[in-house]
Each structure stands twice: as C-alpha cells, then as structure tokens.
Amino acid sequence: MTYHTKYTMGEAIRQYEKAFNALGDPTRRTIFKKLQNGPLPVVAIAKGLTVSRPAVSQHLKVLREAQLINISSQGAQNIYEIDPKGIIAMRDYLDQFWNEALDRFKQLAEQSEKKKTKSK
C-alpha cells in the first residue's frame, strides 16, 4: 500500500478517513466545490447556502481539520482555498484499489490469451 510520502501509514489512514468523512456531508461538498475555481472569503462561500453563517464556519473548520482546505488572512478577511494534502491522501487510498483492479484485469487477459493459444 502506498501513501503520500509526507505521511506514515497510520497518519495517512487517519488523513484519508477524515477527508472522506468531511466530504460525506452535502453542505461541505458544496463548499468544497465552490472553492474549486479558486480562493474565496467566507462571505462568498456562504452566499446561496441554506445554512447559517456560523454553520458555514463549522463546516469550514471540519474541512480544514481534514486538510481539504487552507485558510489565510488578507487584511480583515479569512480566505479559504483547496489544500491538496487531503485530496492526495484520498487519491493514494483509492489508488490501491485501482492497482488491484488493473492487476486482476491483466491476469484475466493473460488467461484468456493462453486459452486462445491452446485452442488453436
């Protein structure tokens, strides 16, 4: 199993779990999607959402703790943007399944080729 080199195996497991859990909430997925096109202040993030501003702040906190977003200050505003660390942890976790699926596909293709060769 491979994980991003910044994490030990135990940390990576905790990291991808936090990231997947954070994105399990539809409001947090919406917030995360809003940040897809670049950094935004909380006012822009909250615009159009059906939850209160304090609730948006709580969702941002969860996303930040899952290392899916970063926060920086520009004057009096907090600016949020996507943090690749959480995404990398999720991708590394999912890659193990992709690699296994590719290995199985390769084995099936090789077995099929052997059968074709034997039947000729």
N, C-alpha and C. Protein backbone atom coordinates (compact mmCIF):
# COMPACT_ATOMS: atom_id res chain seq x y z
N MET A 1 0.84 -1.16 0.00
CA MET A 1 0.00 0.00 0.00
C MET A 1 0.89 1.23 0.00
N THR A 2 0.67 2.15 -0.92
CA THR A 2 1.49 3.36 -0.98
C THR A 2 0.68 4.55 -0.52
N TYR A 3 1.37 5.44 0.16
CA TYR A 3 0.75 6.67 0.63
C TYR A 3 1.68 7.82 0.33
N HIS A 4 1.14 8.99 0.30
CA HIS A 4 1.95 10.17 0.07
C HIS A 4 3.10 10.17 1.06
N THR A 5 4.29 10.49 0.60
CA THR A 5 5.49 10.34 1.42
C THR A 5 5.51 11.21 2.67
N LYS A 6 4.71 12.22 2.74
CA LYS A 6 4.69 13.08 3.92
C LYS A 6 4.08 12.37 5.14
N TYR A 7 3.30 11.34 4.92
CA TYR A 7 2.58 10.67 5.99
C TYR A 7 3.17 9.28 6.24
N THR A 8 3.14 8.89 7.51
CA THR A 8 3.40 7.49 7.79
C THR A 8 2.11 6.74 7.48
N MET A 9 2.16 5.42 7.44
CA MET A 9 0.97 4.65 7.08
C MET A 9 -0.20 4.98 8.00
N GLY A 10 0.00 5.02 9.31
CA GLY A 10 -1.07 5.31 10.25
C GLY A 10 -1.65 6.70 10.07
N GLU A 11 -0.79 7.69 9.81
CA GLU A 11 -1.27 9.05 9.60
C GLU A 11 -2.07 9.15 8.31
N ALA A 12 -1.62 8.47 7.27
CA ALA A 12 -2.33 8.52 6.00
C ALA A 12 -3.72 7.92 6.13
N ILE A 13 -3.82 6.83 6.88
CA ILE A 13 -5.13 6.22 7.08
C ILE A 13 -6.05 7.21 7.78
N ARG A 14 -5.57 7.80 8.83
CA ARG A 14 -6.40 8.79 9.53
C ARG A 14 -6.72 9.96 8.61
N GLN A 15 -5.77 10.36 7.79
CA GLN A 15 -5.99 11.50 6.92
C GLN A 15 -7.04 11.22 5.87
N TYR A 16 -6.97 10.10 5.18
CA TYR A 16 -7.98 9.85 4.15
C TYR A 16 -9.35 9.61 4.77
N GLU A 17 -9.40 9.03 5.96
CA GLU A 17 -10.69 8.85 6.63
C GLU A 17 -11.31 10.20 6.96
N LYS A 18 -10.50 11.12 7.49
CA LYS A 18 -11.00 12.46 7.80
C LYS A 18 -11.52 13.15 6.54
N ALA A 19 -10.77 13.01 5.47
CA ALA A 19 -11.16 13.67 4.22
C ALA A 19 -12.46 13.10 3.67
N PHE A 20 -12.55 11.77 3.61
CA PHE A 20 -13.79 11.16 3.11
C PHE A 20 -14.97 11.50 4.02
N ASN A 21 -14.76 11.45 5.33
CA ASN A 21 -15.84 11.78 6.26
C ASN A 21 -16.28 13.23 6.10
N ALA A 22 -15.34 14.12 5.93
CA ALA A 22 -15.68 15.54 5.77
C ALA A 22 -16.52 15.75 4.52
N LEU A 23 -16.18 15.07 3.45
CA LEU A 23 -16.93 15.24 2.20
C LEU A 23 -18.22 14.43 2.16
N GLY A 24 -18.48 13.67 3.22
CA GLY A 24 -19.72 12.90 3.31
C GLY A 24 -20.93 13.79 3.53
N ASP A 25 -20.71 15.01 3.95
CA ASP A 25 -21.80 15.95 4.20
C ASP A 25 -22.07 16.78 2.94
N PRO A 26 -23.33 16.85 2.49
CA PRO A 26 -23.63 17.58 1.26
C PRO A 26 -23.26 19.07 1.30
N THR A 27 -23.42 19.71 2.46
CA THR A 27 -23.06 21.13 2.56
C THR A 27 -21.56 21.31 2.40
N ARG A 28 -20.78 20.43 3.02
CA ARG A 28 -19.32 20.53 2.88
C ARG A 28 -18.87 20.24 1.45
N ARG A 29 -19.56 19.30 0.78
CA ARG A 29 -19.23 19.06 -0.63
C ARG A 29 -19.51 20.30 -1.47
N THR A 30 -20.61 20.98 -1.18
CA THR A 30 -20.96 22.21 -1.90
C THR A 30 -19.90 23.28 -1.66
N ILE A 31 -19.50 23.43 -0.41
CA ILE A 31 -18.46 24.41 -0.07
C ILE A 31 -17.16 24.07 -0.79
N PHE A 32 -16.79 22.81 -0.76
CA PHE A 32 -15.56 22.35 -1.40
C PHE A 32 -15.62 22.63 -2.91
N LYS A 33 -16.77 22.36 -3.50
CA LYS A 33 -16.94 22.61 -4.94
C LYS A 33 -16.84 24.09 -5.26
N LYS A 34 -17.36 24.95 -4.38
CA LYS A 34 -17.26 26.40 -4.59
C LYS A 34 -15.79 26.84 -4.66
N LEU A 35 -14.94 26.16 -3.92
CA LEU A 35 -13.52 26.52 -3.88
C LEU A 35 -12.73 25.95 -5.05
N GLN A 36 -13.39 25.17 -5.86
CA GLN A 36 -12.74 24.52 -7.00
C GLN A 36 -12.11 25.54 -7.96
N ASN A 37 -12.74 26.67 -8.11
CA ASN A 37 -12.26 27.68 -9.06
C ASN A 37 -11.31 28.70 -8.45
N GLY A 38 -10.99 28.53 -7.17
CA GLY A 38 -10.03 29.43 -6.55
C GLY A 38 -10.45 29.88 -5.17
N PRO A 39 -9.56 30.59 -4.49
CA PRO A 39 -9.80 31.04 -3.12
C PRO A 39 -10.99 31.98 -3.02
N LEU A 40 -11.69 31.86 -1.88
CA LEU A 40 -12.86 32.71 -1.62
C LEU A 40 -12.91 33.12 -0.16
N PRO A 41 -13.47 34.31 0.12
CA PRO A 41 -13.75 34.69 1.50
C PRO A 41 -15.02 33.98 1.98
N VAL A 42 -15.20 33.92 3.27
CA VAL A 42 -16.35 33.21 3.84
C VAL A 42 -17.67 33.79 3.35
N VAL A 43 -17.72 35.09 3.10
CA VAL A 43 -18.95 35.73 2.62
C VAL A 43 -19.38 35.12 1.28
N ALA A 44 -18.43 34.94 0.39
CA ALA A 44 -18.73 34.35 -0.92
C ALA A 44 -19.08 32.88 -0.80
N ILE A 45 -18.44 32.20 0.13
CA ILE A 45 -18.74 30.77 0.34
C ILE A 45 -20.16 30.61 0.87
N ALA A 46 -20.54 31.46 1.82
CA ALA A 46 -21.85 31.35 2.45
C ALA A 46 -23.00 31.75 1.51
N LYS A 47 -22.70 32.56 0.51
CA LYS A 47 -23.73 33.05 -0.40
C LYS A 47 -24.41 31.87 -1.11
N GLY A 48 -25.74 31.83 -1.00
CA GLY A 48 -26.52 30.80 -1.67
C GLY A 48 -26.68 29.51 -0.88
N LEU A 49 -25.98 29.39 0.23
CA LEU A 49 -26.15 28.18 1.06
C LEU A 49 -27.36 28.33 1.96
N THR A 50 -27.98 27.22 2.31
CA THR A 50 -29.20 27.26 3.12
C THR A 50 -28.91 27.14 4.62
N VAL A 51 -27.64 27.26 5.00
CA VAL A 51 -27.28 27.17 6.42
C VAL A 51 -26.79 28.53 6.90
N SER A 52 -26.79 28.72 8.21
CA SER A 52 -26.38 30.00 8.79
C SER A 52 -24.88 30.22 8.62
N ARG A 53 -24.46 31.44 8.79
CA ARG A 53 -23.03 31.77 8.69
C ARG A 53 -22.22 31.02 9.74
N PRO A 54 -22.67 30.91 11.01
CA PRO A 54 -21.92 30.11 11.98
C PRO A 54 -21.81 28.64 11.56
N ALA A 55 -22.86 28.11 10.92
CA ALA A 55 -22.82 26.73 10.43
C ALA A 55 -21.78 26.59 9.32
N VAL A 56 -21.71 27.60 8.45
CA VAL A 56 -20.70 27.58 7.39
C VAL A 56 -19.31 27.55 8.02
N SER A 57 -19.11 28.35 9.05
CA SER A 57 -17.81 28.37 9.74
C SER A 57 -17.48 27.00 10.33
N GLN A 58 -18.47 26.32 10.88
CA GLN A 58 -18.23 24.98 11.42
C GLN A 58 -17.87 23.99 10.30
N HIS A 59 -18.54 24.09 9.18
CA HIS A 59 -18.23 23.22 8.04
C HIS A 59 -16.81 23.50 7.53
N LEU A 60 -16.43 24.77 7.49
CA LEU A 60 -15.08 25.13 7.07
C LEU A 60 -14.04 24.57 8.05
N LYS A 61 -14.37 24.57 9.32
CA LYS A 61 -13.46 24.02 10.33
C LYS A 61 -13.24 22.53 10.09
N VAL A 62 -14.31 21.80 9.81
CA VAL A 62 -14.19 20.36 9.54
C VAL A 62 -13.35 20.12 8.29
N LEU A 63 -13.59 20.89 7.25
CA LEU A 63 -12.81 20.74 6.02
C LEU A 63 -11.33 21.08 6.26
N ARG A 64 -11.08 22.07 7.08
CA ARG A 64 -9.70 22.45 7.41
C ARG A 64 -9.02 21.36 8.22
N GLU A 65 -9.71 20.79 9.19
CA GLU A 65 -9.14 19.71 10.00
C GLU A 65 -8.87 18.46 9.17
N ALA A 66 -9.63 18.27 8.10
CA ALA A 66 -9.42 17.14 7.20
C ALA A 66 -8.35 17.45 6.16
N GLN A 67 -7.74 18.61 6.27
CA GLN A 67 -6.72 19.11 5.35
C GLN A 67 -7.22 19.17 3.91
N LEU A 68 -8.49 19.50 3.76
CA LEU A 68 -9.06 19.69 2.43
C LEU A 68 -9.04 21.15 2.01
N ILE A 69 -8.93 22.05 3.00
CA ILE A 69 -8.83 23.48 2.69
C ILE A 69 -7.79 24.13 3.59
N ASN A 70 -7.26 25.24 3.11
CA ASN A 70 -6.36 26.11 3.87
C ASN A 70 -7.06 27.42 4.13
N ILE A 71 -6.61 28.10 5.16
CA ILE A 71 -7.13 29.43 5.45
C ILE A 71 -5.93 30.38 5.53
N SER A 72 -6.13 31.56 4.96
CA SER A 72 -5.12 32.61 5.07
C SER A 72 -5.85 33.92 5.32
N SER A 73 -5.13 34.87 5.86
CA SER A 73 -5.73 36.18 6.14
C SER A 73 -5.26 37.19 5.11
N GLN A 74 -6.21 37.94 4.61
CA GLN A 74 -5.91 39.08 3.74
C GLN A 74 -6.62 40.27 4.36
N GLY A 75 -5.86 41.03 5.10
CA GLY A 75 -6.45 42.13 5.84
C GLY A 75 -7.35 41.58 6.93
N ALA A 76 -8.61 42.00 6.95
CA ALA A 76 -9.55 41.53 7.96
C ALA A 76 -10.32 40.29 7.51
N GLN A 77 -10.07 39.84 6.29
CA GLN A 77 -10.82 38.70 5.74
C GLN A 77 -10.02 37.40 5.85
N ASN A 78 -10.75 36.33 6.13
CA ASN A 78 -10.18 34.99 6.02
C ASN A 78 -10.49 34.48 4.62
N ILE A 79 -9.47 33.98 3.95
CA ILE A 79 -9.61 33.46 2.59
C ILE A 79 -9.37 31.96 2.64
N TYR A 80 -10.29 31.22 2.03
CA TYR A 80 -10.21 29.76 2.02
C TYR A 80 -9.88 29.27 0.63
N GLU A 81 -9.06 28.21 0.58
CA GLU A 81 -8.71 27.59 -0.70
C GLU A 81 -8.48 26.10 -0.49
N ILE A 82 -8.54 25.36 -1.57
CA ILE A 82 -8.35 23.90 -1.50
C ILE A 82 -6.91 23.60 -1.13
N ASP A 83 -6.75 22.64 -0.24
CA ASP A 83 -5.44 22.14 0.19
C ASP A 83 -5.26 20.76 -0.43
N PRO A 84 -4.24 20.55 -1.21
CA PRO A 84 -4.08 19.26 -1.88
C PRO A 84 -3.75 18.08 -0.95
N LYS A 85 -3.35 18.34 0.28
CA LYS A 85 -2.96 17.23 1.17
C LYS A 85 -4.07 16.22 1.39
N GLY A 86 -5.26 16.69 1.67
CA GLY A 86 -6.38 15.78 1.89
C GLY A 86 -6.76 15.03 0.62
N ILE A 87 -6.69 15.72 -0.50
CA ILE A 87 -7.02 15.09 -1.78
C ILE A 87 -5.99 14.01 -2.10
N ILE A 88 -4.73 14.31 -1.85
CA ILE A 88 -3.67 13.32 -2.12
C ILE A 88 -3.87 12.09 -1.25
N ALA A 89 -4.23 12.29 0.01
CA ALA A 89 -4.45 11.14 0.90
C ALA A 89 -5.60 10.27 0.39
N MET A 90 -6.69 10.90 -0.07
CA MET A 90 -7.81 10.12 -0.61
C MET A 90 -7.40 9.40 -1.90
N ARG A 91 -6.69 10.11 -2.76
CA ARG A 91 -6.26 9.51 -4.02
C ARG A 91 -5.33 8.32 -3.78
N ASP A 92 -4.40 8.48 -2.85
CA ASP A 92 -3.48 7.38 -2.54
C ASP A 92 -4.24 6.16 -2.02
N TYR A 93 -5.24 6.40 -1.20
CA TYR A 93 -6.06 5.31 -0.69
C TYR A 93 -6.78 4.60 -1.84
N LEU A 94 -7.40 5.38 -2.72
CA LEU A 94 -8.15 4.80 -3.83
C LEU A 94 -7.24 4.13 -4.86
N ASP A 95 -6.02 4.63 -4.99
CA ASP A 95 -5.07 4.04 -5.95
C ASP A 95 -4.82 2.56 -5.67
N GLN A 96 -4.83 2.18 -4.40
CA GLN A 96 -4.58 0.76 -4.10
C GLN A 96 -5.66 -0.12 -4.73
N PHE A 97 -6.88 0.35 -4.79
CA PHE A 97 -7.96 -0.43 -5.40
C PHE A 97 -7.81 -0.44 -6.91
N TRP A 98 -7.40 0.69 -7.47
CA TRP A 98 -7.20 0.77 -8.90
C TRP A 98 -6.09 -0.18 -9.33
N ASN A 99 -4.98 -0.19 -8.58
CA ASN A 99 -3.86 -1.07 -8.91
C ASN A 99 -4.27 -2.54 -8.82
N GLU A 100 -5.05 -2.88 -7.81
CA GLU A 100 -5.53 -4.26 -7.68
C GLU A 100 -6.44 -4.62 -8.85
N ALA A 101 -7.31 -3.72 -9.23
CA ALA A 101 -8.22 -3.98 -10.36
C ALA A 101 -7.42 -4.15 -11.65
N LEU A 102 -6.42 -3.33 -11.86
CA LEU A 102 -5.58 -3.47 -13.06
C LEU A 102 -4.83 -4.79 -13.06
N ASP A 103 -4.32 -5.20 -11.89
CA ASP A 103 -3.62 -6.49 -11.80
C ASP A 103 -4.56 -7.64 -12.14
N ARG A 104 -5.79 -7.59 -11.62
CA ARG A 104 -6.77 -8.64 -11.92
C ARG A 104 -7.13 -8.65 -13.41
N PHE A 105 -7.30 -7.48 -13.98
CA PHE A 105 -7.61 -7.38 -15.40
C PHE A 105 -6.47 -7.98 -16.23
N LYS A 106 -5.25 -7.68 -15.86
CA LYS A 106 -4.08 -8.21 -16.57
C LYS A 106 -4.07 -9.74 -16.49
N GLN A 107 -4.32 -10.27 -15.30
CA GLN A 107 -4.35 -11.72 -15.13
C GLN A 107 -5.43 -12.36 -16.00
N LEU A 108 -6.61 -11.77 -16.02
CA LEU A 108 -7.70 -12.30 -16.85
C LEU A 108 -7.36 -12.23 -18.33
N ALA A 109 -6.76 -11.15 -18.75
CA ALA A 109 -6.37 -11.02 -20.15
C ALA A 109 -5.32 -12.06 -20.53
N GLU A 110 -4.37 -12.28 -19.63
CA GLU A 110 -3.32 -13.29 -19.90
C GLU A 110 -3.92 -14.69 -19.95
N GLN A 111 -4.85 -14.98 -19.03
CA GLN A 111 -5.51 -16.30 -19.04
C GLN A 111 -6.31 -16.49 -20.31
N SER A 112 -7.01 -15.47 -20.72
CA SER A 112 -7.81 -15.54 -21.94
C SER A 112 -6.91 -15.77 -23.15
N GLU A 113 -5.79 -15.10 -23.19
CA GLU A 113 -4.84 -15.25 -24.31
C GLU A 113 -4.28 -16.68 -24.33
N LYS A 114 -3.98 -17.23 -23.17
CA LYS A 114 -3.45 -18.61 -23.10
C LYS A 114 -4.49 -19.61 -23.62
N LYS A 115 -5.76 -19.38 -23.25
CA LYS A 115 -6.84 -20.27 -23.73
C LYS A 115 -6.97 -20.21 -25.24
N LYS A 116 -6.88 -19.01 -25.79
CA LYS A 116 -6.97 -18.85 -27.25
C LYS A 116 -5.81 -19.56 -27.94
N THR A 117 -4.62 -19.45 -27.37
CA THR A 117 -3.44 -20.08 -27.95
C THR A 117 -3.55 -21.59 -27.90
N LYS A 118 -4.05 -22.15 -26.81
CA LYS A 118 -4.21 -23.61 -26.64
C LYS A 118 -5.27 -24.17 -27.57
N SER A 119 -6.32 -23.40 -27.84
CA SER A 119 -7.41 -23.91 -28.67
C SER A 119 -7.09 -23.87 -30.16
N LYS A 120 -6.01 -23.24 -30.55
CA LYS A 120 -5.65 -23.16 -31.98
C LYS A 120 -4.83 -24.34 -32.43
